[in-house]
Amino acid sequence: MAGNSVVVAVDGPSGSGKSTVSRRLAEALGARYLDTGAMYRAVTWAVLRAGVDPHDADTVAKVTVEAALTIGTDPADPHIAVDGENVDAAIRGAEVTGAVSVVAAVPAVRQHLVSRQREIISAASAAAGIVVEGRDIGTVVAPDADLKVYLTASAAERARRRSAEHETDLAVTQEALSRRDHLDSTRAVDPLTLAEGAVTLDTTELGIDEVVARLVEMLERSRT
């Protein structure tokens, strides 16, 4: 099935399978792929590199606006760079992970990055289409997406997945996810929430192939 200018919004908490599912879905559709979380992580990395306190909203916003982000949208090889420096590995480290929710809660940061995200979506939707993943895609970034999906899984399963992925202690991972869930769902601007018209899909007992197949089927039904 070709992309046909389709826009798919995939939201959900950490460990729900968003990244893997979204990339695989984009490949299946012949579409582009955008990880908006990587953009927030990249500016968080820039903030920490500059020695700025993540709680200093004004300076965080200044760093965000001045950082030159380069975002690759090939689902087979997504990448992101800050001021020409590839940060794919660096943004997944513990320091960035611990600070990203604070940086992402700054209204000026969200406004700037949402604008960038919409530009990328607009360009892609005029060509092959795009699958976009994050925490406010269906509610804020692309509320008119052809398909809006909210992926979820049990807290225990999400922690197990994330712990296995990063080879971290399960109890520590559970605590970190609980903290991230709270921060993301209670922030004043663009909190993580179920978008109007979104389809909820619990991935706790599902394999990646099954999730992708269900989403392709949903999309086909939504466009007929």
N, C-alpha and C. Protein backbone atom coordinates (compact mmCIF):
# COMPACT_ATOMS: atom_id res chain seq x y z
N MET A 1 0.85 -1.21 0.00
CA MET A 1 0.00 0.00 0.00
C MET A 1 0.87 1.24 0.00
N ALA A 2 0.71 2.14 -0.93
CA ALA A 2 1.53 3.34 -1.00
C ALA A 2 1.05 4.37 0.00
N GLY A 3 1.93 5.34 0.30
CA GLY A 3 1.60 6.36 1.28
C GLY A 3 0.41 7.21 0.87
N ASN A 4 0.35 7.60 -0.43
CA ASN A 4 -0.77 8.39 -0.94
C ASN A 4 -1.06 9.60 -0.08
N SER A 5 -0.02 10.30 0.34
CA SER A 5 -0.14 11.53 1.12
C SER A 5 -0.81 11.32 2.47
N VAL A 6 -0.79 10.12 2.99
CA VAL A 6 -1.42 9.83 4.27
C VAL A 6 -0.62 10.43 5.43
N VAL A 7 -1.34 10.85 6.46
CA VAL A 7 -0.71 11.30 7.70
C VAL A 7 -1.27 10.44 8.83
N VAL A 8 -0.38 9.76 9.54
CA VAL A 8 -0.77 8.93 10.67
C VAL A 8 -0.15 9.49 11.94
N ALA A 9 -0.96 9.74 12.94
CA ALA A 9 -0.50 10.25 14.23
C ALA A 9 -0.48 9.11 15.25
N VAL A 10 0.67 8.87 15.85
CA VAL A 10 0.81 7.80 16.84
C VAL A 10 1.26 8.41 18.16
N ASP A 11 0.40 8.36 19.16
CA ASP A 11 0.72 8.87 20.49
C ASP A 11 0.75 7.73 21.49
N GLY A 12 1.31 8.03 22.66
CA GLY A 12 1.33 7.03 23.72
C GLY A 12 2.49 7.24 24.65
N PRO A 13 2.47 6.59 25.80
CA PRO A 13 3.53 6.74 26.80
C PRO A 13 4.78 5.94 26.43
N SER A 14 5.85 6.16 27.17
CA SER A 14 7.11 5.43 26.96
C SER A 14 6.89 3.94 27.12
N GLY A 15 7.50 3.17 26.23
CA GLY A 15 7.42 1.72 26.33
C GLY A 15 6.19 1.11 25.70
N SER A 16 5.38 1.93 25.05
CA SER A 16 4.15 1.40 24.43
C SER A 16 4.41 0.82 23.05
N GLY A 17 5.62 1.02 22.54
CA GLY A 17 5.98 0.49 21.22
C GLY A 17 5.89 1.50 20.10
N LYS A 18 5.73 2.78 20.43
CA LYS A 18 5.53 3.82 19.42
C LYS A 18 6.60 3.85 18.34
N SER A 19 7.86 3.85 18.77
CA SER A 19 8.94 4.03 17.80
C SER A 19 9.04 2.88 16.81
N THR A 20 9.10 1.67 17.33
CA THR A 20 9.22 0.50 16.46
C THR A 20 8.01 0.36 15.55
N VAL A 21 6.83 0.51 16.12
CA VAL A 21 5.60 0.39 15.34
C VAL A 21 5.53 1.48 14.28
N SER A 22 5.84 2.70 14.64
CA SER A 22 5.73 3.82 13.70
C SER A 22 6.71 3.67 12.53
N ARG A 23 7.92 3.25 12.83
CA ARG A 23 8.89 3.05 11.76
C ARG A 23 8.46 1.93 10.82
N ARG A 24 8.01 0.84 11.39
CA ARG A 24 7.57 -0.31 10.58
C ARG A 24 6.32 0.05 9.77
N LEU A 25 5.44 0.82 10.35
CA LEU A 25 4.24 1.23 9.65
C LEU A 25 4.60 2.15 8.48
N ALA A 26 5.52 3.08 8.72
CA ALA A 26 5.95 3.98 7.66
C ALA A 26 6.57 3.20 6.50
N GLU A 27 7.37 2.19 6.82
CA GLU A 27 7.96 1.36 5.77
C GLU A 27 6.87 0.62 4.99
N ALA A 28 5.89 0.11 5.71
CA ALA A 28 4.80 -0.63 5.06
C ALA A 28 3.98 0.27 4.13
N LEU A 29 3.88 1.54 4.50
CA LEU A 29 3.08 2.48 3.71
C LEU A 29 3.89 3.19 2.63
N GLY A 30 5.20 3.00 2.65
CA GLY A 30 6.05 3.75 1.73
C GLY A 30 6.09 5.23 2.08
N ALA A 31 5.95 5.52 3.37
CA ALA A 31 5.85 6.90 3.84
C ALA A 31 7.11 7.32 4.60
N ARG A 32 7.17 8.58 4.97
CA ARG A 32 8.26 9.10 5.80
C ARG A 32 7.91 8.84 7.27
N TYR A 33 8.87 9.14 8.15
CA TYR A 33 8.70 8.86 9.59
C TYR A 33 9.30 10.01 10.38
N LEU A 34 8.58 10.46 11.38
CA LEU A 34 9.08 11.54 12.24
C LEU A 34 8.91 11.17 13.71
N ASP A 35 10.03 11.17 14.41
CA ASP A 35 10.05 10.92 15.86
C ASP A 35 10.14 12.28 16.54
N THR A 36 9.01 12.82 16.97
CA THR A 36 9.02 14.14 17.59
C THR A 36 9.72 14.13 18.94
N GLY A 37 9.69 12.97 19.61
CA GLY A 37 10.38 12.87 20.89
C GLY A 37 11.87 13.09 20.74
N ALA A 38 12.44 12.65 19.61
CA ALA A 38 13.86 12.85 19.36
C ALA A 38 14.18 14.34 19.24
N MET A 39 13.24 15.12 18.74
CA MET A 39 13.46 16.56 18.63
C MET A 39 13.53 17.19 20.01
N TYR A 40 12.64 16.77 20.91
CA TYR A 40 12.69 17.30 22.28
C TYR A 40 13.96 16.83 22.99
N ARG A 41 14.36 15.61 22.73
CA ARG A 41 15.60 15.11 23.31
C ARG A 41 16.81 15.88 22.77
N ALA A 42 16.77 16.21 21.48
CA ALA A 42 17.89 16.92 20.88
C ALA A 42 18.06 18.31 21.47
N VAL A 43 16.96 19.03 21.67
CA VAL A 43 17.12 20.35 22.27
C VAL A 43 17.48 20.24 23.74
N THR A 44 17.04 19.17 24.40
CA THR A 44 17.47 18.93 25.79
C THR A 44 18.96 18.71 25.83
N TRP A 45 19.47 17.93 24.88
CA TRP A 45 20.92 17.72 24.78
C TRP A 45 21.64 19.05 24.57
N ALA A 46 21.09 19.91 23.73
CA ALA A 46 21.69 21.22 23.48
C ALA A 46 21.68 22.08 24.75
N VAL A 47 20.60 22.00 25.50
CA VAL A 47 20.49 22.74 26.76
C VAL A 47 21.56 22.28 27.75
N LEU A 48 21.71 20.97 27.89
CA LEU A 48 22.70 20.43 28.82
C LEU A 48 24.12 20.73 28.34
N ARG A 49 24.34 20.65 27.03
CA ARG A 49 25.66 20.96 26.47
C ARG A 49 26.05 22.40 26.78
N ALA A 50 25.06 23.29 26.78
CA ALA A 50 25.32 24.70 27.04
C ALA A 50 25.46 25.01 28.53
N GLY A 51 25.25 23.98 29.37
CA GLY A 51 25.36 24.18 30.81
C GLY A 51 24.19 24.93 31.40
N VAL A 52 23.06 24.88 30.72
CA VAL A 52 21.87 25.61 31.17
C VAL A 52 21.01 24.73 32.08
N ASP A 53 20.47 25.33 33.12
CA ASP A 53 19.56 24.62 34.02
C ASP A 53 18.25 24.35 33.26
N PRO A 54 17.83 23.09 33.14
CA PRO A 54 16.59 22.78 32.41
C PRO A 54 15.37 23.50 32.97
N HIS A 55 15.44 23.96 34.21
CA HIS A 55 14.31 24.65 34.82
C HIS A 55 14.31 26.15 34.51
N ASP A 56 15.37 26.64 33.86
CA ASP A 56 15.47 28.04 33.47
C ASP A 56 14.76 28.21 32.12
N ALA A 57 13.46 28.41 32.18
CA ALA A 57 12.63 28.36 30.98
C ALA A 57 13.06 29.35 29.90
N ASP A 58 13.39 30.57 30.28
CA ASP A 58 13.74 31.57 29.28
C ASP A 58 15.01 31.20 28.52
N THR A 59 16.02 30.74 29.25
CA THR A 59 17.27 30.38 28.60
C THR A 59 17.12 29.09 27.81
N VAL A 60 16.33 28.16 28.32
CA VAL A 60 16.05 26.92 27.60
C VAL A 60 15.38 27.25 26.26
N ALA A 61 14.44 28.17 26.28
CA ALA A 61 13.75 28.58 25.05
C ALA A 61 14.73 29.20 24.07
N LYS A 62 15.65 30.01 24.57
CA LYS A 62 16.64 30.66 23.71
C LYS A 62 17.55 29.63 23.04
N VAL A 63 18.00 28.65 23.82
CA VAL A 63 18.85 27.60 23.28
C VAL A 63 18.09 26.81 22.21
N THR A 64 16.84 26.52 22.49
CA THR A 64 16.01 25.75 21.55
C THR A 64 15.88 26.45 20.21
N VAL A 65 15.57 27.73 20.24
CA VAL A 65 15.38 28.49 19.00
C VAL A 65 16.68 28.61 18.21
N GLU A 66 17.80 28.71 18.93
CA GLU A 66 19.08 28.89 18.25
C GLU A 66 19.70 27.59 17.76
N ALA A 67 19.25 26.45 18.29
CA ALA A 67 19.81 25.15 17.88
C ALA A 67 19.33 24.81 16.47
N ALA A 68 20.27 24.46 15.61
CA ALA A 68 19.92 24.08 14.23
C ALA A 68 19.71 22.57 14.18
N LEU A 69 18.46 22.15 14.09
CA LEU A 69 18.15 20.73 14.05
C LEU A 69 18.04 20.25 12.61
N THR A 70 18.67 19.12 12.34
CA THR A 70 18.54 18.45 11.05
C THR A 70 17.89 17.11 11.31
N ILE A 71 16.73 16.90 10.72
CA ILE A 71 15.95 15.69 11.02
C ILE A 71 15.79 14.84 9.77
N GLY A 72 16.28 13.60 9.85
CA GLY A 72 16.11 12.66 8.75
C GLY A 72 14.82 11.88 8.93
N THR A 73 14.03 11.74 7.88
CA THR A 73 12.72 11.10 8.01
C THR A 73 12.60 9.78 7.24
N ASP A 74 13.73 9.18 6.90
CA ASP A 74 13.72 7.87 6.27
C ASP A 74 13.47 6.83 7.37
N PRO A 75 12.36 6.09 7.32
CA PRO A 75 12.07 5.14 8.40
C PRO A 75 13.13 4.04 8.54
N ALA A 76 13.87 3.77 7.47
CA ALA A 76 14.91 2.76 7.53
C ALA A 76 16.18 3.30 8.17
N ASP A 77 16.32 4.62 8.22
CA ASP A 77 17.54 5.22 8.76
C ASP A 77 17.25 6.62 9.29
N PRO A 78 16.40 6.73 10.32
CA PRO A 78 16.10 8.05 10.88
C PRO A 78 17.31 8.58 11.64
N HIS A 79 17.49 9.89 11.60
CA HIS A 79 18.62 10.46 12.34
C HIS A 79 18.29 11.89 12.72
N ILE A 80 19.06 12.42 13.66
CA ILE A 80 18.89 13.82 14.06
C ILE A 80 20.24 14.38 14.43
N ALA A 81 20.47 15.64 14.06
CA ALA A 81 21.73 16.32 14.35
C ALA A 81 21.43 17.69 14.93
N VAL A 82 22.33 18.17 15.78
CA VAL A 82 22.24 19.51 16.35
C VAL A 82 23.47 20.28 15.92
N ASP A 83 23.25 21.37 15.22
CA ASP A 83 24.36 22.19 14.72
C ASP A 83 25.37 21.34 13.95
N GLY A 84 24.85 20.39 13.17
CA GLY A 84 25.70 19.55 12.34
C GLY A 84 26.30 18.35 13.03
N GLU A 85 26.07 18.20 14.33
CA GLU A 85 26.61 17.06 15.08
C GLU A 85 25.54 15.99 15.29
N ASN A 86 25.81 14.78 14.83
CA ASN A 86 24.86 13.69 15.01
C ASN A 86 24.72 13.36 16.49
N VAL A 87 23.47 13.32 16.95
CA VAL A 87 23.24 13.09 18.39
C VAL A 87 22.33 11.88 18.62
N ASP A 88 22.22 11.00 17.62
CA ASP A 88 21.33 9.84 17.75
C ASP A 88 21.58 9.04 19.02
N ALA A 89 22.84 8.80 19.34
CA ALA A 89 23.17 8.02 20.54
C ALA A 89 23.12 8.88 21.79
N ALA A 90 23.63 10.09 21.69
CA ALA A 90 23.74 10.97 22.86
C ALA A 90 22.39 11.30 23.47
N ILE A 91 21.35 11.44 22.65
CA ILE A 91 20.05 11.85 23.19
C ILE A 91 19.33 10.73 23.92
N ARG A 92 19.86 9.50 23.82
CA ARG A 92 19.23 8.37 24.52
C ARG A 92 19.88 8.09 25.87
N GLY A 93 20.85 8.90 26.25
CA GLY A 93 21.55 8.70 27.51
C GLY A 93 20.70 9.08 28.72
N ALA A 94 21.16 8.66 29.89
CA ALA A 94 20.39 8.87 31.12
C ALA A 94 20.21 10.34 31.45
N GLU A 95 21.23 11.18 31.16
CA GLU A 95 21.14 12.59 31.52
C GLU A 95 20.03 13.29 30.73
N VAL A 96 19.98 13.04 29.43
CA VAL A 96 18.94 13.63 28.60
C VAL A 96 17.58 13.07 28.99
N THR A 97 17.50 11.76 29.20
CA THR A 97 16.25 11.13 29.58
C THR A 97 15.69 11.73 30.86
N GLY A 98 16.57 12.05 31.80
CA GLY A 98 16.13 12.59 33.08
C GLY A 98 15.66 14.03 33.00
N ALA A 99 16.07 14.75 31.95
CA ALA A 99 15.74 16.18 31.86
C ALA A 99 14.73 16.52 30.78
N VAL A 100 14.45 15.58 29.87
CA VAL A 100 13.64 15.93 28.70
C VAL A 100 12.22 16.35 29.04
N SER A 101 11.61 15.76 30.04
CA SER A 101 10.23 16.13 30.38
C SER A 101 10.16 17.58 30.86
N VAL A 102 11.19 18.01 31.59
CA VAL A 102 11.22 19.39 32.09
C VAL A 102 11.37 20.36 30.92
N VAL A 103 12.28 20.06 30.02
CA VAL A 103 12.49 20.92 28.85
C VAL A 103 11.26 20.94 27.96
N ALA A 104 10.66 19.76 27.76
CA ALA A 104 9.50 19.65 26.88
C ALA A 104 8.27 20.35 27.43
N ALA A 105 8.27 20.67 28.72
CA ALA A 105 7.13 21.34 29.33
C ALA A 105 7.18 22.86 29.15
N VAL A 106 8.30 23.38 28.65
CA VAL A 106 8.44 24.83 28.45
C VAL A 106 7.58 25.25 27.25
N PRO A 107 6.60 26.12 27.44
CA PRO A 107 5.69 26.49 26.35
C PRO A 107 6.39 26.97 25.09
N ALA A 108 7.43 27.80 25.23
CA ALA A 108 8.12 28.33 24.06
C ALA A 108 8.85 27.24 23.29
N VAL A 109 9.32 26.22 24.00
CA VAL A 109 9.97 25.07 23.36
C VAL A 109 8.95 24.32 22.53
N ARG A 110 7.81 24.05 23.11
CA ARG A 110 6.76 23.31 22.41
C ARG A 110 6.28 24.09 21.19
N GLN A 111 6.09 25.38 21.35
CA GLN A 111 5.62 26.20 20.23
C GLN A 111 6.61 26.14 19.06
N HIS A 112 7.88 26.27 19.36
CA HIS A 112 8.90 26.25 18.31
C HIS A 112 8.98 24.89 17.61
N LEU A 113 9.00 23.83 18.40
CA LEU A 113 9.15 22.50 17.81
C LEU A 113 7.88 22.04 17.10
N VAL A 114 6.72 22.39 17.61
CA VAL A 114 5.48 22.04 16.93
C VAL A 114 5.43 22.70 15.56
N SER A 115 5.90 23.94 15.48
CA SER A 115 5.95 24.62 14.20
C SER A 115 6.85 23.88 13.22
N ARG A 116 8.02 23.46 13.70
CA ARG A 116 8.94 22.68 12.85
C ARG A 116 8.31 21.36 12.42
N GLN A 117 7.64 20.71 13.36
CA GLN A 117 7.02 19.42 13.06
C GLN A 117 5.94 19.56 11.99
N ARG A 118 5.16 20.62 12.09
CA ARG A 118 4.12 20.84 11.09
C ARG A 118 4.71 21.10 9.71
N GLU A 119 5.84 21.79 9.67
CA GLU A 119 6.50 22.04 8.40
C GLU A 119 6.94 20.72 7.76
N ILE A 120 7.51 19.84 8.57
CA ILE A 120 7.97 18.54 8.08
C ILE A 120 6.79 17.72 7.60
N ILE A 121 5.71 17.72 8.37
CA ILE A 121 4.52 16.96 7.99
C ILE A 121 3.93 17.50 6.69
N SER A 122 3.88 18.81 6.56
CA SER A 122 3.32 19.42 5.36
C SER A 122 4.11 19.02 4.12
N ALA A 123 5.43 19.06 4.23
CA ALA A 123 6.29 18.69 3.10
C ALA A 123 6.12 17.22 2.74
N ALA A 124 6.06 16.36 3.77
CA ALA A 124 5.95 14.93 3.52
C ALA A 124 4.57 14.54 3.01
N SER A 125 3.55 15.18 3.54
CA SER A 125 2.19 14.82 3.14
C SER A 125 1.90 15.24 1.70
N ALA A 126 2.71 16.17 1.17
CA ALA A 126 2.55 16.57 -0.22
C ALA A 126 3.23 15.57 -1.16
N ALA A 127 3.96 14.63 -0.55
CA ALA A 127 4.67 13.62 -1.35
C ALA A 127 4.23 12.21 -0.94
N ALA A 128 5.07 11.55 -0.15
CA ALA A 128 4.83 10.13 0.17
C ALA A 128 3.92 9.91 1.37
N GLY A 129 3.65 10.95 2.15
CA GLY A 129 2.92 10.77 3.39
C GLY A 129 3.88 10.56 4.54
N ILE A 130 3.37 10.49 5.76
CA ILE A 130 4.26 10.41 6.92
C ILE A 130 3.54 9.79 8.12
N VAL A 131 4.31 9.06 8.91
CA VAL A 131 3.85 8.54 10.19
C VAL A 131 4.60 9.33 11.26
N VAL A 132 3.86 9.96 12.16
CA VAL A 132 4.45 10.83 13.17
C VAL A 132 4.16 10.28 14.55
N GLU A 133 5.19 10.15 15.36
CA GLU A 133 4.99 9.63 16.71
C GLU A 133 5.37 10.65 17.76
N GLY A 134 4.67 10.59 18.90
CA GLY A 134 4.98 11.50 19.99
C GLY A 134 3.97 11.40 21.10
N ARG A 135 3.72 12.54 21.74
CA ARG A 135 2.78 12.57 22.86
C ARG A 135 1.67 13.60 22.67
N ASP A 136 1.76 14.40 21.61
CA ASP A 136 0.72 15.39 21.36
C ASP A 136 0.40 15.49 19.86
N ILE A 137 0.63 14.40 19.13
CA ILE A 137 0.48 14.46 17.69
C ILE A 137 -0.99 14.57 17.29
N GLY A 138 -1.82 13.67 17.79
CA GLY A 138 -3.23 13.70 17.43
C GLY A 138 -4.00 14.84 18.05
N THR A 139 -3.49 15.38 19.17
CA THR A 139 -4.20 16.46 19.86
C THR A 139 -3.76 17.84 19.39
N VAL A 140 -2.49 18.00 19.05
CA VAL A 140 -1.95 19.33 18.77
C VAL A 140 -1.26 19.43 17.41
N VAL A 141 -0.31 18.55 17.16
CA VAL A 141 0.54 18.68 15.98
C VAL A 141 -0.22 18.40 14.69
N ALA A 142 -0.95 17.30 14.66
CA ALA A 142 -1.67 16.90 13.44
C ALA A 142 -3.07 16.39 13.79
N PRO A 143 -3.93 17.27 14.31
CA PRO A 143 -5.26 16.83 14.72
C PRO A 143 -6.14 16.36 13.56
N ASP A 144 -5.77 16.70 12.33
CA ASP A 144 -6.54 16.28 11.16
C ASP A 144 -5.92 15.07 10.46
N ALA A 145 -5.07 14.34 11.17
CA ALA A 145 -4.42 13.16 10.59
C ALA A 145 -5.46 12.16 10.08
N ASP A 146 -5.09 11.41 9.05
CA ASP A 146 -6.01 10.41 8.49
C ASP A 146 -6.33 9.32 9.50
N LEU A 147 -5.35 9.00 10.33
CA LEU A 147 -5.54 8.01 11.39
C LEU A 147 -4.83 8.48 12.63
N LYS A 148 -5.54 8.50 13.75
CA LYS A 148 -4.95 8.87 15.03
C LYS A 148 -5.00 7.65 15.94
N VAL A 149 -3.85 7.26 16.44
CA VAL A 149 -3.74 6.04 17.24
C VAL A 149 -3.11 6.37 18.59
N TYR A 150 -3.64 5.80 19.63
CA TYR A 150 -3.04 5.92 20.96
C TYR A 150 -2.60 4.52 21.37
N LEU A 151 -1.28 4.30 21.33
CA LEU A 151 -0.73 3.00 21.73
C LEU A 151 -0.51 2.99 23.23
N THR A 152 -0.84 1.89 23.86
CA THR A 152 -0.60 1.76 25.29
C THR A 152 -0.22 0.32 25.60
N ALA A 153 0.15 0.07 26.82
CA ALA A 153 0.46 -1.27 27.31
C ALA A 153 0.44 -1.18 28.83
N SER A 154 0.40 -2.31 29.49
CA SER A 154 0.39 -2.29 30.95
C SER A 154 1.69 -1.66 31.45
N ALA A 155 1.63 -1.06 32.64
CA ALA A 155 2.81 -0.43 33.22
C ALA A 155 3.95 -1.43 33.38
N ALA A 156 3.60 -2.65 33.78
CA ALA A 156 4.62 -3.69 33.98
C ALA A 156 5.28 -4.06 32.66
N GLU A 157 4.49 -4.19 31.60
CA GLU A 157 5.04 -4.56 30.30
C GLU A 157 5.88 -3.43 29.71
N ARG A 158 5.44 -2.21 29.89
CA ARG A 158 6.21 -1.07 29.38
C ARG A 158 7.57 -0.99 30.08
N ALA A 159 7.56 -1.21 31.38
CA ALA A 159 8.82 -1.18 32.13
C ALA A 159 9.73 -2.33 31.71
N ARG A 160 9.14 -3.51 31.49
CA ARG A 160 9.94 -4.66 31.06
C ARG A 160 10.61 -4.39 29.72
N ARG A 161 9.84 -3.84 28.79
CA ARG A 161 10.40 -3.53 27.47
C ARG A 161 11.53 -2.52 27.56
N ARG A 162 11.28 -1.44 28.28
CA ARG A 162 12.28 -0.38 28.37
C ARG A 162 13.53 -0.85 29.12
N SER A 163 13.33 -1.66 30.15
CA SER A 163 14.46 -2.21 30.91
C SER A 163 15.31 -3.11 30.04
N ALA A 164 14.66 -3.95 29.23
CA ALA A 164 15.38 -4.85 28.33
C ALA A 164 16.11 -4.08 27.24
N GLU A 165 15.47 -3.03 26.74
CA GLU A 165 16.05 -2.22 25.66
C GLU A 165 17.32 -1.52 26.11
N HIS A 166 17.28 -0.98 27.31
CA HIS A 166 18.42 -0.20 27.80
C HIS A 166 19.29 -0.95 28.82
N GLU A 167 18.94 -2.21 29.07
CA GLU A 167 19.69 -3.04 30.02
C GLU A 167 19.82 -2.35 31.38
N THR A 168 18.66 -1.90 31.89
CA THR A 168 18.63 -1.22 33.19
C THR A 168 17.82 -2.04 34.18
N ASP A 169 17.99 -1.73 35.46
CA ASP A 169 17.27 -2.42 36.52
C ASP A 169 15.77 -2.18 36.37
N LEU A 170 14.98 -3.24 36.49
CA LEU A 170 13.54 -3.15 36.26
C LEU A 170 12.87 -2.19 37.23
N ALA A 171 13.22 -2.28 38.52
CA ALA A 171 12.59 -1.41 39.51
C ALA A 171 12.91 0.05 39.25
N VAL A 172 14.15 0.32 38.87
CA VAL A 172 14.56 1.70 38.57
C VAL A 172 13.81 2.19 37.34
N THR A 173 13.67 1.33 36.34
CA THR A 173 12.96 1.69 35.12
C THR A 173 11.49 1.97 35.40
N GLN A 174 10.87 1.14 36.25
CA GLN A 174 9.46 1.34 36.60
C GLN A 174 9.27 2.71 37.27
N GLU A 175 10.17 3.05 38.17
CA GLU A 175 10.07 4.34 38.85
C GLU A 175 10.24 5.50 37.87
N ALA A 176 11.20 5.37 36.95
CA ALA A 176 11.46 6.42 35.97
C ALA A 176 10.26 6.59 35.03
N LEU A 177 9.67 5.48 34.60
CA LEU A 177 8.51 5.57 33.72
C LEU A 177 7.32 6.20 34.43
N SER A 178 7.12 5.86 35.68
CA SER A 178 6.02 6.42 36.45
C SER A 178 6.19 7.94 36.56
N ARG A 179 7.42 8.36 36.80
CA ARG A 179 7.70 9.81 36.90
C ARG A 179 7.45 10.48 35.56
N ARG A 180 7.93 9.86 34.47
CA ARG A 180 7.76 10.43 33.14
C ARG A 180 6.27 10.50 32.78
N ASP A 181 5.53 9.45 33.08
CA ASP A 181 4.09 9.44 32.80
C ASP A 181 3.39 10.61 33.50
N HIS A 182 3.76 10.81 34.77
CA HIS A 182 3.13 11.88 35.54
C HIS A 182 3.45 13.24 34.96
N LEU A 183 4.72 13.47 34.65
CA LEU A 183 5.13 14.77 34.11
C LEU A 183 4.47 15.03 32.76
N ASP A 184 4.44 14.02 31.90
CA ASP A 184 3.90 14.20 30.56
C ASP A 184 2.39 14.42 30.56
N SER A 185 1.69 13.77 31.49
CA SER A 185 0.23 13.85 31.49
C SER A 185 -0.30 15.03 32.31
N THR A 186 0.55 15.67 33.10
CA THR A 186 0.07 16.77 33.94
C THR A 186 0.67 18.11 33.57
N ARG A 187 1.54 18.17 32.55
CA ARG A 187 2.13 19.46 32.18
C ARG A 187 1.02 20.40 31.70
N ALA A 188 1.24 21.69 31.88
CA ALA A 188 0.22 22.69 31.58
C ALA A 188 -0.04 22.82 30.08
N VAL A 189 0.99 22.62 29.27
CA VAL A 189 0.87 22.82 27.83
C VAL A 189 0.97 21.48 27.10
N ASP A 190 -0.03 21.18 26.27
CA ASP A 190 -0.03 19.98 25.42
C ASP A 190 0.27 18.69 26.19
N PRO A 191 -0.49 18.38 27.22
CA PRO A 191 -0.23 17.15 27.97
C PRO A 191 -0.55 15.90 27.14
N LEU A 192 0.06 14.79 27.55
CA LEU A 192 -0.24 13.51 26.90
C LEU A 192 -1.66 13.11 27.26
N THR A 193 -2.50 13.00 26.24
CA THR A 193 -3.89 12.64 26.47
C THR A 193 -4.45 12.01 25.20
N LEU A 194 -5.56 11.36 25.31
CA LEU A 194 -6.18 10.70 24.17
C LEU A 194 -6.84 11.74 23.27
N ALA A 195 -6.45 11.74 22.00
CA ALA A 195 -7.02 12.70 21.05
C ALA A 195 -8.43 12.32 20.68
N GLU A 196 -9.24 13.32 20.38
CA GLU A 196 -10.60 13.07 19.91
C GLU A 196 -10.54 12.29 18.60
N GLY A 197 -11.27 11.20 18.54
CA GLY A 197 -11.29 10.39 17.33
C GLY A 197 -10.15 9.39 17.22
N ALA A 198 -9.28 9.33 18.24
CA ALA A 198 -8.16 8.39 18.20
C ALA A 198 -8.61 6.98 18.55
N VAL A 199 -7.94 6.01 17.97
CA VAL A 199 -8.18 4.60 18.27
C VAL A 199 -7.16 4.14 19.29
N THR A 200 -7.61 3.58 20.38
CA THR A 200 -6.69 3.06 21.40
C THR A 200 -6.35 1.61 21.09
N LEU A 201 -5.06 1.30 21.12
CA LEU A 201 -4.61 -0.07 20.87
C LEU A 201 -3.66 -0.50 21.97
N ASP A 202 -4.08 -1.49 22.74
CA ASP A 202 -3.25 -2.03 23.83
C ASP A 202 -2.31 -3.07 23.24
N THR A 203 -1.01 -2.81 23.35
CA THR A 203 0.00 -3.69 22.74
C THR A 203 0.60 -4.69 23.72
N THR A 204 0.05 -4.78 24.92
CA THR A 204 0.65 -5.63 25.95
C THR A 204 0.87 -7.07 25.46
N GLU A 205 -0.13 -7.62 24.80
CA GLU A 205 -0.07 -9.02 24.38
C GLU A 205 0.17 -9.17 22.87
N LEU A 206 0.52 -8.08 22.21
CA LEU A 206 0.66 -8.11 20.76
C LEU A 206 2.11 -8.00 20.30
N GLY A 207 2.44 -8.73 19.24
CA GLY A 207 3.75 -8.59 18.63
C GLY A 207 3.75 -7.40 17.67
N ILE A 208 4.93 -6.94 17.29
CA ILE A 208 5.05 -5.78 16.42
C ILE A 208 4.33 -6.00 15.09
N ASP A 209 4.54 -7.16 14.48
CA ASP A 209 3.90 -7.43 13.18
C ASP A 209 2.39 -7.34 13.28
N GLU A 210 1.83 -7.85 14.38
CA GLU A 210 0.38 -7.83 14.55
C GLU A 210 -0.13 -6.40 14.73
N VAL A 211 0.61 -5.59 15.50
CA VAL A 211 0.22 -4.20 15.70
C VAL A 211 0.22 -3.45 14.38
N VAL A 212 1.30 -3.61 13.60
CA VAL A 212 1.41 -2.91 12.32
C VAL A 212 0.30 -3.35 11.38
N ALA A 213 0.03 -4.66 11.33
CA ALA A 213 -1.03 -5.17 10.45
C ALA A 213 -2.39 -4.58 10.84
N ARG A 214 -2.64 -4.45 12.13
CA ARG A 214 -3.92 -3.88 12.57
C ARG A 214 -4.02 -2.41 12.18
N LEU A 215 -2.92 -1.69 12.26
CA LEU A 215 -2.95 -0.27 11.92
C LEU A 215 -3.14 -0.07 10.42
N VAL A 216 -2.50 -0.90 9.62
CA VAL A 216 -2.70 -0.83 8.17
C VAL A 216 -4.16 -1.07 7.83
N GLU A 217 -4.74 -2.06 8.50
CA GLU A 217 -6.15 -2.38 8.27
C GLU A 217 -7.05 -1.22 8.69
N MET A 218 -6.74 -0.62 9.85
CA MET A 218 -7.53 0.54 10.31
C MET A 218 -7.45 1.68 9.32
N LEU A 219 -6.25 1.91 8.80
CA LEU A 219 -6.06 3.01 7.87
C LEU A 219 -6.82 2.77 6.58
N GLU A 220 -6.77 1.54 6.10
CA GLU A 220 -7.50 1.22 4.88
C GLU A 220 -9.00 1.42 5.06
N ARG A 221 -9.50 1.03 6.23
CA ARG A 221 -10.94 1.20 6.50
C ARG A 221 -11.30 2.68 6.61
N SER A 222 -10.40 3.46 7.20
CA SER A 222 -10.68 4.88 7.40
C SER A 222 -10.67 5.67 6.11
N ARG A 223 -10.06 5.13 5.08
CA ARG A 223 -9.92 5.87 3.82
C ARG A 223 -10.83 5.33 2.72
N THR A 224 -11.76 4.45 3.11
CA THR A 224 -12.70 3.92 2.12
C THR A 224 -14.09 4.52 2.34
